[in-house]
Protein backbone atom coordinates (compact mmCIF):
# COMPACT_ATOMS: atom_id res chain seq x y z
CA MET A 1 36.01 70.75 15.53
CA LYS A 2 36.35 66.99 15.96
CA ASN A 3 37.08 66.56 12.26
CA ASP A 4 39.72 69.28 12.49
CA ILE A 5 41.56 67.38 15.23
CA LEU A 6 41.67 64.20 13.15
CA LYS A 7 42.81 66.11 10.06
CA THR A 8 45.56 67.84 12.01
CA LEU A 9 46.80 64.59 13.53
CA ALA A 10 46.80 62.87 10.16
CA MET A 11 48.69 65.75 8.54
CA LYS A 12 51.32 65.73 11.29
CA ALA A 13 51.79 61.99 10.90
CA LYS A 14 52.09 62.34 7.13
CA ASN A 15 54.63 65.15 7.49
CA ARG A 16 56.74 63.03 9.83
CA MET A 17 56.76 60.26 7.25
CA ILE A 18 57.83 62.68 4.52
CA ASN A 19 60.37 64.76 6.44
CA LYS A 20 63.40 62.78 7.48
CA GLU A 21 64.37 65.43 10.04
CA LEU A 22 61.16 64.81 11.95
CA ARG A 23 61.67 61.06 11.81
CA ALA A 24 64.77 61.36 14.00
CA THR A 25 62.73 63.29 16.57
CA TYR A 26 60.23 60.45 16.90
CA ALA A 27 62.66 57.57 16.35
CA ASN A 28 62.84 56.76 20.06
CA THR A 29 59.10 56.95 20.64
CA ASN A 30 57.57 53.70 21.84
CA ILE A 31 54.13 52.94 20.50
CA LYS A 32 51.97 50.43 22.31
CA ILE A 33 49.97 48.33 19.87
CA ILE A 34 46.33 47.94 20.81
CA ASP A 35 44.96 44.43 21.12
CA HIS A 36 43.94 43.48 17.60
CA HIS A 37 41.43 40.94 18.86
CA ASP A 38 39.06 43.53 20.34
CA GLN A 39 35.69 41.95 19.51
CA SER A 40 33.58 45.09 19.93
CA PHE A 41 35.88 47.05 17.59
CA TYR A 42 35.78 44.18 15.10
CA ASN A 43 31.98 44.12 15.28
CA LYS A 44 31.78 47.87 14.59
CA VAL A 45 33.99 47.49 11.51
CA LYS A 46 31.93 44.51 10.36
CA GLU A 47 28.72 46.49 10.77
CA MET A 48 30.14 49.40 8.77
CA MET A 49 31.27 47.08 5.98
CA THR A 50 27.98 45.18 5.77
CA ASP A 51 25.90 48.36 5.61
CA ASN A 52 25.59 49.52 2.03
CA ILE A 53 26.25 53.12 3.04
CA ASP A 54 29.44 54.91 2.01
CA ILE A 55 31.17 56.20 5.12
CA CYS A 56 33.38 59.23 4.62
CA ASN A 57 35.28 58.97 7.88
CA PRO A 58 35.15 55.51 9.47
CA LEU A 59 37.82 56.42 12.02
CA LYS A 60 35.57 59.03 13.56
CA ARG A 61 32.98 56.33 14.24
CA LEU A 62 35.57 53.97 15.68
CA MET A 63 37.47 56.37 17.95
CA ASP A 64 36.33 57.15 21.48
CA GLU A 65 35.88 60.94 21.52
CA ASN A 66 36.11 61.19 25.33
CA LYS A 67 39.40 59.33 25.35
CA LEU A 68 40.71 61.43 22.47
CA MET A 69 39.90 64.72 24.18
CA ASN A 70 41.73 63.67 27.37
CA LEU A 71 45.03 62.88 25.62
CA ASP A 72 47.94 65.19 24.98
CA ALA A 73 49.11 65.89 21.39
CA ARG A 74 51.39 62.86 21.18
CA GLY A 75 48.79 60.65 22.78
CA LYS A 76 46.20 61.79 20.23
CA GLU A 77 48.54 61.01 17.35
CA ARG A 78 49.38 57.63 18.84
CA TYR A 79 45.69 56.82 19.39
CA LEU A 80 44.87 57.80 15.80
CA LEU A 81 47.64 55.64 14.36
CA GLU A 82 46.69 52.68 16.56
CA THR A 83 43.06 52.99 15.51
CA ILE A 84 44.07 53.11 11.84
CA GLU A 85 46.13 49.95 12.27
CA LYS A 86 43.30 48.14 14.08
CA TYR A 87 40.83 49.23 11.40
CA GLN A 88 43.05 47.98 8.58
CA GLU A 89 43.61 44.65 10.33
CA ALA A 90 39.89 44.18 10.96
CA ARG A 91 39.09 44.99 7.31
CA ARG A 92 41.69 42.47 6.12
CA GLU A 93 40.21 39.77 8.35
CA LEU A 94 36.68 40.53 7.19
CA GLU A 95 37.72 40.50 3.53
CA LYS A 96 39.39 37.11 4.07
CA GLU A 97 36.21 35.79 5.69
CA ASN A 98 34.07 37.08 2.83
CA SER A 99 36.35 35.62 0.17
CA ILE A 100 36.24 32.18 1.83
CA CYS A 101 32.42 32.11 1.93
């Protein structure tokens, strides 16, 4: 069930990106960017990257399920997109660190 929620949210976000009609609907939506310097989140991403295990769905490990279940549909989508952005930023930072060493 939890995987289904993430899949649904991702599909809706993808459809909005593809369909221009839906873009206008969400054009005035304000998205609050999560603090990208969240050390515990960064540490989780670092741990996942240093483990030699392939992770199928890293977002599921990074998202707070209790918080996700208490949000409305738009809030869930927003939370998913914010988590994706934080994850990508943390990966970029870790890859920079590893390339410097």
